[in-house]
Each structure stands twice: as C-alpha cells, then as structure tokens.
Amino acid sequence: MWWDTYWPMPWMLFGPGMMILLIVLCVALMAVAMGGGWHRRAGAGRALEILRERYARGEIDQAEFEERRHQLER
C-alpha cells in the first residue's frame, strides 16, 4: 500500500513547532498587555531627573516636588 513508503518526519515537527510559536505569542501578548513594566521603571529615572531640574530652577515648590517624587517612586 502507499503508506509503506510514507515518511512522516516533516509533519512530526509541525506540532511541536506550532506549540512553541503559540507559547512565544502568548508571552509576547502578556508583555504588551502588562505595559512592559521594566520599561516604565527605566523611564522613571529620567522623569525624576527632570523633576529635580524643575525644582532647582524654582518652577515648583518643595511640597509639589515631594508629592510628584513620591508618585514617581511608587
């Protein structure tokens, strides 16, 4: 019969390959949905630097500086 010479090897890789693709897709979707938390923390350093510059120039008072600094560090 025809299935005596059938070599299923390429199709055996399709299932695991699709599972790996699905897992990578899910992880990427979760990273996007969570907003990339590690990027937000890196950006907070620059925001705090700008806040300190504004305080040093006298654009904001100490109370506003402390309030905004507290919000950035959360």
Protein backbone atom coordinates (compact mmCIF):
# COMPACT_ATOMS: atom_id res chain seq x y z
CA MET A 1 0.00 0.00 0.00
CA TRP A 2 1.01 3.65 -0.36
CA TRP A 3 1.66 4.24 3.35
CA ASP A 4 4.60 1.79 3.37
CA THR A 5 6.89 4.46 1.87
CA TYR A 6 5.39 7.42 3.70
CA TRP A 7 7.92 9.33 5.81
CA PRO A 8 6.08 11.37 8.48
CA MET A 9 9.14 13.22 9.77
CA PRO A 10 8.33 16.72 8.42
CA TRP A 11 4.82 16.55 9.89
CA MET A 12 6.15 15.41 13.26
CA LEU A 13 7.96 18.73 13.60
CA PHE A 14 4.85 20.76 12.74
CA GLY A 15 3.03 20.08 16.05
CA PRO A 16 5.88 20.99 18.43
CA GLY A 17 6.81 23.94 16.23
CA MET A 18 3.28 25.29 16.45
CA MET A 19 3.25 24.82 20.24
CA ILE A 20 6.49 26.79 20.58
CA LEU A 21 5.07 29.51 18.33
CA LEU A 22 1.91 29.63 20.44
CA ILE A 23 3.89 29.94 23.68
CA VAL A 24 6.05 32.73 22.26
CA LEU A 25 2.94 34.52 21.04
CA CYS A 26 1.28 34.24 24.47
CA VAL A 27 4.36 35.57 26.27
CA ALA A 28 4.62 38.49 23.83
CA LEU A 29 0.92 39.28 24.27
CA MET A 30 1.27 39.22 28.05
CA ALA A 31 4.27 41.57 27.88
CA VAL A 32 2.30 44.03 25.75
CA ALA A 33 -0.81 43.73 27.95
CA MET A 34 1.19 44.39 31.11
CA GLY A 35 2.60 47.54 29.56
CA GLY A 36 6.22 46.47 29.64
CA GLY A 37 6.73 47.13 33.34
CA TRP A 38 10.53 47.06 33.11
CA HIS A 39 10.50 49.93 30.60
CA ARG A 40 8.37 52.12 32.82
CA ARG A 41 10.83 51.88 35.69
CA ALA A 42 13.73 52.86 33.46
CA GLY A 43 11.80 55.93 32.28
CA ALA A 44 11.04 56.99 35.84
CA GLY A 45 14.71 57.79 36.36
CA ARG A 46 14.64 60.41 33.60
CA ALA A 47 11.35 61.82 34.89
CA LEU A 48 12.84 62.19 38.35
CA GLU A 49 15.84 63.96 36.85
CA ILE A 50 13.55 66.42 35.06
CA LEU A 51 11.60 66.94 38.29
CA ARG A 52 14.83 67.77 40.15
CA GLU A 53 15.81 70.24 37.41
CA ARG A 54 12.43 71.97 37.66
CA TYR A 55 12.79 72.18 41.44
CA ALA A 56 16.30 73.57 41.10
CA ARG A 57 15.09 76.26 38.67
CA GLY A 58 12.33 77.22 41.11
CA GLU A 59 9.45 76.23 38.82
CA ILE A 60 7.87 74.09 41.55
CA ASP A 61 7.94 74.34 45.32
CA GLN A 62 9.13 71.70 47.78
CA ALA A 63 5.65 70.34 48.54
CA GLU A 64 4.89 69.76 44.87
CA PHE A 65 8.35 68.26 44.35
CA GLU A 66 7.85 65.79 47.20
CA GLU A 67 4.37 64.82 46.02
CA ARG A 68 5.47 64.18 42.45
CA ARG A 69 8.63 62.37 43.56
CA HIS A 70 6.52 60.09 45.73
CA GLN A 71 4.24 59.32 42.76
CA LEU A 72 7.20 58.52 40.51
CA GLU A 73 8.84 56.21 43.02
CA ARG A 74 5.71 54.09 43.55
